[in-house]
Protein backbone atom coordinates (compact mmCIF):
# COMPACT_ATOMS: atom_id res chain seq x y z
CA MET A 1 -30.86 -6.38 3.16
CA SER A 2 -32.08 -7.75 -0.06
CA PRO A 3 -32.42 -12.10 -0.32
CA GLU A 4 -30.57 -11.77 -3.68
CA LEU A 5 -27.34 -9.16 -1.96
CA HIS A 6 -26.93 -12.21 0.88
CA GLY A 7 -26.77 -15.11 -1.10
CA GLY A 8 -24.15 -12.89 -3.24
CA LEU A 9 -22.40 -11.95 -0.35
CA HIS A 10 -22.47 -15.53 1.21
CA SER A 11 -22.06 -17.69 -2.29
CA SER A 12 -19.77 -15.67 -3.84
CA ALA A 13 -16.33 -17.10 -4.18
CA LEU A 14 -13.42 -15.70 -3.09
CA PRO A 15 -10.69 -15.18 -6.08
CA ILE A 16 -8.92 -18.59 -5.59
CA VAL A 17 -6.69 -16.89 -8.22
CA VAL A 18 -5.34 -14.16 -6.29
CA THR A 19 -5.41 -16.21 -3.27
CA LEU A 20 -2.93 -19.10 -4.48
CA ALA A 21 -0.83 -16.54 -5.92
CA LEU A 22 -0.25 -14.85 -2.26
CA ILE A 23 -0.06 -17.94 -0.78
CA GLY A 24 3.16 -19.18 -3.69
CA VAL A 25 4.01 -15.00 -2.94
CA VAL A 26 4.80 -15.80 0.42
CA LEU A 27 6.36 -19.58 0.36
CA VAL A 28 8.62 -18.29 -1.96
CA TYR A 29 9.61 -15.67 0.72
CA LEU A 30 9.81 -18.17 3.34
CA ARG A 31 12.62 -20.14 1.33
CA GLY A 32 14.40 -16.77 0.31
CA TRP A 33 13.92 -15.69 4.20
CA TYR A 34 15.47 -18.64 5.88
CA GLN A 35 18.53 -18.59 3.54
CA LEU A 36 19.71 -15.59 4.12
CA ARG A 37 18.84 -16.15 8.13
CA ASN A 38 21.37 -17.84 7.85
CA ALA A 39 23.85 -15.75 6.46
CA PHE A 40 22.41 -12.19 7.79
CA PRO A 41 20.78 -13.69 11.44
CA ASN A 42 21.09 -9.79 12.61
CA VAL A 43 19.64 -8.29 9.26
CA LEU A 44 16.93 -10.50 8.42
CA SER A 45 15.38 -11.07 11.57
CA VAL A 46 11.45 -12.99 12.48
CA TRP A 47 10.34 -9.17 12.69
CA ARG A 48 10.67 -8.87 9.53
CA LEU A 49 9.55 -12.23 8.28
CA ALA A 50 5.86 -11.23 10.72
CA ALA A 51 6.06 -7.83 8.80
CA PHE A 52 5.81 -9.61 5.07
CA THR A 53 3.28 -11.91 6.10
CA SER A 54 1.14 -9.13 7.75
CA GLY A 55 1.73 -7.41 4.29
CA VAL A 56 0.77 -10.00 2.47
CA PHE A 57 -2.80 -11.10 4.56
CA SER A 58 -3.37 -7.39 4.99
CA LEU A 59 -3.37 -7.15 0.82
CA TRP A 60 -5.77 -10.45 0.90
CA ALA A 61 -8.01 -8.86 2.53
CA ALA A 62 -8.25 -5.80 0.38
CA VAL A 63 -8.65 -8.18 -2.79
CA GLY A 64 -9.48 -11.49 -1.80
CA SER A 65 -11.52 -11.19 1.19
CA PRO A 66 -15.44 -10.60 1.47
CA LEU A 67 -14.26 -6.89 2.20
CA ALA A 68 -13.92 -6.80 -1.72
CA VAL A 69 -17.39 -7.84 -2.46
CA LEU A 70 -18.82 -4.89 0.11
CA ASP A 71 -16.75 -2.32 -1.81
CA HIS A 72 -19.21 -2.19 -4.40
CA GLN A 73 -22.46 -1.44 -2.19
CA LEU A 74 -20.02 1.24 0.78
CA LEU A 75 -17.97 3.37 -0.13
CA THR A 76 -16.60 3.36 3.61
CA ALA A 77 -16.07 -0.63 2.66
CA HIS A 78 -13.70 1.00 -0.90
CA MET A 79 -12.40 3.07 1.35
CA VAL A 80 -10.91 0.52 3.53
CA GLN A 81 -9.46 -1.41 0.37
CA HIS A 82 -7.85 1.56 -0.48
CA LEU A 83 -6.33 2.21 3.02
CA LEU A 84 -5.59 -1.71 3.17
CA LEU A 85 -3.52 -0.97 -0.01
CA MET A 86 -1.56 2.10 0.33
CA THR A 87 -1.00 2.31 4.18
CA VAL A 88 -0.99 -1.14 5.48
CA ALA A 89 0.05 -3.65 3.37
CA ALA A 90 2.52 -1.81 1.30
CA PRO A 91 4.79 -0.34 4.21
CA LEU A 92 4.51 -4.17 6.13
CA ILE A 93 5.74 -6.03 2.69
CA LEU A 94 8.64 -3.39 2.48
CA LEU A 95 10.20 -3.93 6.04
CA GLY A 96 10.76 -7.83 5.13
CA ALA A 97 13.26 -6.17 2.89
CA PRO A 98 11.10 -8.13 0.15
CA ALA A 99 13.27 -7.50 -3.02
CA ILE A 100 16.82 -9.52 -2.09
CA THR A 101 14.52 -12.32 -0.16
CA LEU A 102 12.08 -13.56 -3.05
CA LEU A 103 14.95 -12.95 -5.35
CA HIS A 104 16.76 -15.68 -2.98
CA GLY A 105 13.71 -17.59 -2.83
CA VAL A 106 12.69 -18.83 -6.54
CA PRO A 107 15.00 -21.50 -7.69
CA GLN A 108 19.01 -20.14 -8.35
CA ARG A 109 18.24 -21.53 -11.88
CA VAL A 110 15.91 -18.84 -12.83
CA ALA A 111 17.53 -16.07 -10.53
CA ARG A 112 20.98 -16.99 -12.31
CA SER A 113 19.67 -16.99 -15.93
CA VAL A 114 17.10 -14.72 -15.67
CA LEU A 115 16.26 -11.99 -12.96
CA GLY A 116 20.29 -12.29 -12.87
CA PRO A 117 20.94 -10.26 -16.33
CA LEU A 118 17.89 -8.89 -16.02
CA LEU A 119 18.93 -7.18 -12.73
CA ARG A 120 21.95 -5.76 -14.02
CA CYS A 121 20.89 -4.48 -17.77
CA PRO A 122 21.46 -0.50 -17.63
CA PRO A 123 18.04 0.25 -18.93
CA VAL A 124 16.67 -1.38 -15.73
CA HIS A 125 18.45 0.49 -13.46
CA GLY A 126 18.02 3.74 -14.92
CA VAL A 127 14.69 3.04 -14.74
CA VAL A 128 14.45 1.86 -11.50
CA SER A 129 16.95 5.00 -10.57
CA ILE A 130 14.10 6.91 -11.82
CA VAL A 131 11.08 5.67 -10.20
CA THR A 132 12.64 4.95 -6.89
CA HIS A 133 13.62 8.88 -6.67
CA PRO A 134 11.34 10.11 -4.03
CA LEU A 135 9.97 12.82 -6.12
CA PHE A 136 8.66 10.70 -8.43
CA CYS A 137 7.24 8.27 -5.36
CA TRP A 138 5.41 11.14 -4.42
CA LEU A 139 4.05 12.44 -7.87
CA ALA A 140 2.27 9.01 -8.61
CA SER A 141 1.11 8.22 -4.93
CA THR A 142 -1.24 11.80 -5.20
CA ALA A 143 -1.70 10.68 -8.92
CA ALA A 144 -3.01 7.46 -7.89
CA VAL A 145 -5.05 8.91 -5.44
CA ILE A 146 -6.35 12.14 -6.42
CA GLY A 147 -6.99 10.48 -10.10
CA TRP A 148 -9.19 7.43 -8.86
CA HIS A 149 -10.93 9.74 -7.12
CA VAL A 150 -12.64 11.22 -9.45
CA PRO A 151 -15.97 10.34 -10.53
CA ALA A 152 -15.23 9.57 -14.09
CA LEU A 153 -12.74 7.45 -13.08
CA PHE A 154 -13.96 5.75 -10.20
CA GLU A 155 -17.56 5.41 -11.45
CA MET A 156 -15.47 3.79 -14.51
CA GLY A 157 -13.23 0.97 -12.20
CA ILE A 158 -16.72 0.82 -10.16
CA ARG A 159 -18.86 -1.26 -13.50
CA SER A 160 -16.00 -2.98 -14.76
CA ALA A 161 -13.84 -6.18 -13.37
CA ARG A 162 -11.40 -5.32 -15.63
CA TRP A 163 -10.82 -1.90 -14.57
CA HIS A 164 -11.40 -2.59 -10.81
CA ALA A 165 -8.70 -4.72 -11.00
CA VAL A 166 -6.11 -2.46 -12.40
CA GLU A 167 -7.04 0.19 -9.90
CA HIS A 168 -6.32 -2.11 -7.25
CA ALA A 169 -3.12 -2.64 -8.92
CA CYS A 170 -2.20 1.09 -9.00
CA PHE A 171 -3.07 1.78 -5.28
CA PHE A 172 -0.49 -1.19 -4.46
CA ALA A 173 1.87 0.34 -6.45
CA ALA A 174 1.52 3.85 -5.80
CA GLY A 175 1.86 2.24 -1.43
CA ILE A 176 4.73 0.73 -2.52
CA LEU A 177 6.41 3.72 -4.17
CA PHE A 178 5.39 6.05 -1.59
CA TRP A 179 6.83 4.50 1.18
CA TRP A 180 9.91 3.74 -0.36
CA PRO A 181 12.17 6.52 0.28
CA VAL A 182 10.79 6.36 3.97
CA ILE A 183 11.76 3.06 4.29
CA GLN A 184 14.13 2.31 2.47
CA PRO A 185 13.26 -1.57 2.04
CA TRP A 186 17.37 -3.35 2.77
CA PRO A 187 19.61 -3.25 0.88
CA SER A 188 18.91 -0.17 -0.78
CA VAL A 189 20.01 3.00 0.56
CA SER A 190 18.71 5.96 0.91
CA ARG A 191 19.14 9.11 -1.05
CA TRP A 192 17.46 11.55 0.03
CA PRO A 193 18.63 13.18 3.96
CA GLN A 194 16.48 11.81 6.65
CA TRP A 195 15.39 15.00 7.54
CA SER A 196 13.73 15.35 4.29
CA VAL A 197 11.47 12.34 5.17
CA PRO A 198 9.19 14.03 7.87
CA LEU A 199 8.95 17.27 5.05
CA TYR A 200 8.17 14.16 2.06
CA LEU A 201 5.03 12.54 4.80
CA PHE A 202 3.53 15.75 5.69
CA LEU A 203 3.35 16.67 2.18
CA ALA A 204 1.78 13.67 1.20
CA THR A 205 -0.95 14.11 4.04
CA LEU A 206 -2.29 17.61 2.10
CA PRO A 207 -4.04 15.94 -1.05
CA CYS A 208 -5.43 13.66 0.88
CA ASP A 209 -6.15 15.81 3.78
CA ALA A 210 -8.02 17.91 1.21
CA LEU A 211 -10.31 15.10 -0.55
CA SER A 212 -11.30 13.28 2.47
CA ALA A 213 -12.38 16.92 3.88
CA PHE A 214 -14.58 17.41 0.54
CA LEU A 215 -15.95 13.93 1.55
CA THR A 216 -16.28 14.35 4.72
CA PHE A 217 -18.09 17.55 4.22
CA CYS A 218 -19.74 17.49 0.55
CA ASP A 219 -23.59 18.53 0.44
CA ARG A 220 -24.41 15.62 -2.25
CA VAL A 221 -23.75 11.80 -3.58
CA VAL A 222 -20.27 12.16 -5.40
CA TYR A 223 -20.91 9.07 -7.01
CA PRO A 224 -23.84 8.01 -8.40
CA GLN A 225 -22.89 4.17 -7.47
CA TYR A 226 -23.65 4.71 -4.29
CA LEU A 227 -27.34 6.12 -4.01
CA PHE A 228 -28.61 3.18 -6.10
CA ALA A 229 -26.34 0.42 -4.21
CA GLU A 230 -28.47 -1.98 -2.62
CA ARG A 231 -28.34 -0.42 1.07
CA LEU A 232 -26.55 -3.47 3.81
CA PHE A 233 -26.91 -1.04 7.09
CA ASP A 234 -29.08 1.75 7.89
CA ILE A 235 -26.88 4.50 6.46
CA SER A 236 -27.59 6.46 3.76
CA PRO A 237 -25.48 7.36 0.46
CA LEU A 238 -24.74 10.92 2.21
CA GLY A 239 -23.75 9.26 5.50
CA ASP A 240 -21.92 6.22 3.89
CA GLN A 241 -19.49 8.96 2.13
CA GLU A 242 -18.94 11.21 5.28
CA TRP A 243 -17.43 7.98 7.24
CA ALA A 244 -15.72 7.51 3.56
CA GLY A 245 -14.18 10.51 4.43
CA ALA A 246 -13.58 10.77 7.97
CA VAL A 247 -12.23 7.67 7.47
CA MET A 248 -9.26 8.49 5.33
CA TRP A 249 -8.93 11.44 7.40
CA VAL A 250 -8.27 9.43 10.36
CA CYS A 251 -6.25 7.09 8.87
CA VAL A 252 -4.03 8.78 6.40
CA THR A 253 -3.12 11.27 9.26
CA PHE A 254 -1.60 8.91 11.69
CA ALA A 255 -0.42 6.56 8.46
CA TYR A 256 1.85 9.47 7.51
CA LEU A 257 2.08 11.79 10.62
CA THR A 258 3.60 8.84 13.28
CA PRO A 259 6.72 7.98 11.27
CA ALA A 260 7.52 11.45 10.84
CA ALA A 261 7.19 12.21 14.53
CA VAL A 262 9.00 9.14 15.25
CA VAL A 263 12.25 10.34 12.22
CA THR A 264 11.77 13.83 13.84
CA ILE A 265 12.91 12.20 17.49
CA GLN A 266 15.59 10.37 16.21
CA ILE A 267 17.13 13.11 14.14
CA LEU A 268 17.07 15.37 17.24
CA SER A 269 18.12 12.67 19.69
CA PRO A 270 21.05 13.51 21.87
CA GLN A 271 23.23 10.90 20.72
CA ARG A 272 22.24 11.22 17.21
CA ARG A 273 24.12 14.34 17.61
CA ALA A 274 26.39 13.20 19.58
CA ALA A 275 27.05 10.66 17.15
CA LYS A 276 27.56 13.14 14.25
CA ALA A 277 29.63 15.21 16.33
CA GLU A 278 32.01 13.04 16.60
CA VAL A 279 32.16 11.53 13.18
CA VAL A 280 32.81 15.68 12.51
């Protein structure tokens, strides 16, 4: 490692603004969780608090930790960032029922005078209905994954700090949208039958598998940035690309197909089928 890069890794300050903002979000969530916990002890349990805080920590690890420095030297680190944003931070945050909890965490004056009227506005309801539709969620997440890995957009994100931040925001927002129909954060209600969730998750693996296979088995370096980047470890640019594709392939497969299998088992469980037969 060159002295310049070594010094840059150790002297570059963490994005303080992002860190402080995430700390503020956690504090607001804690306030709302405490209030709702007293009202709904069986719904907003401790595990939701743990899920939310773990999700926020994963978000910080992706954009505010030293990992954010490595993404310009290693495509594998860049891929880990994307996976943290979409497959770790987003679902964990949604498991924490963030919308209702954060709403109760902000000052009541703000909630009543600003957020309340905004949330009751018909156009807002219309937009929320569209963006939380499973088809829109699937298309948005797929477009984010494929679009930002197009070499021209990828290079733009790497070379510009502003576009790099936009890229991270897109991946996190796409992750929130993607996992919304799967998790259905309380108190939202599912709009599609439960049997559609495994199909939704399976179809989502296909474009990711195609992209990861392309990166793994391509015989050339796709992104020129990494041809000239300082090598942090004894790994070639092509080897780094192969690792990035393999990491994406394995992580996405487990992240998407594991909940698909869990939902399938729940649907086929004898207890559930017996309960459904009694209702009918």
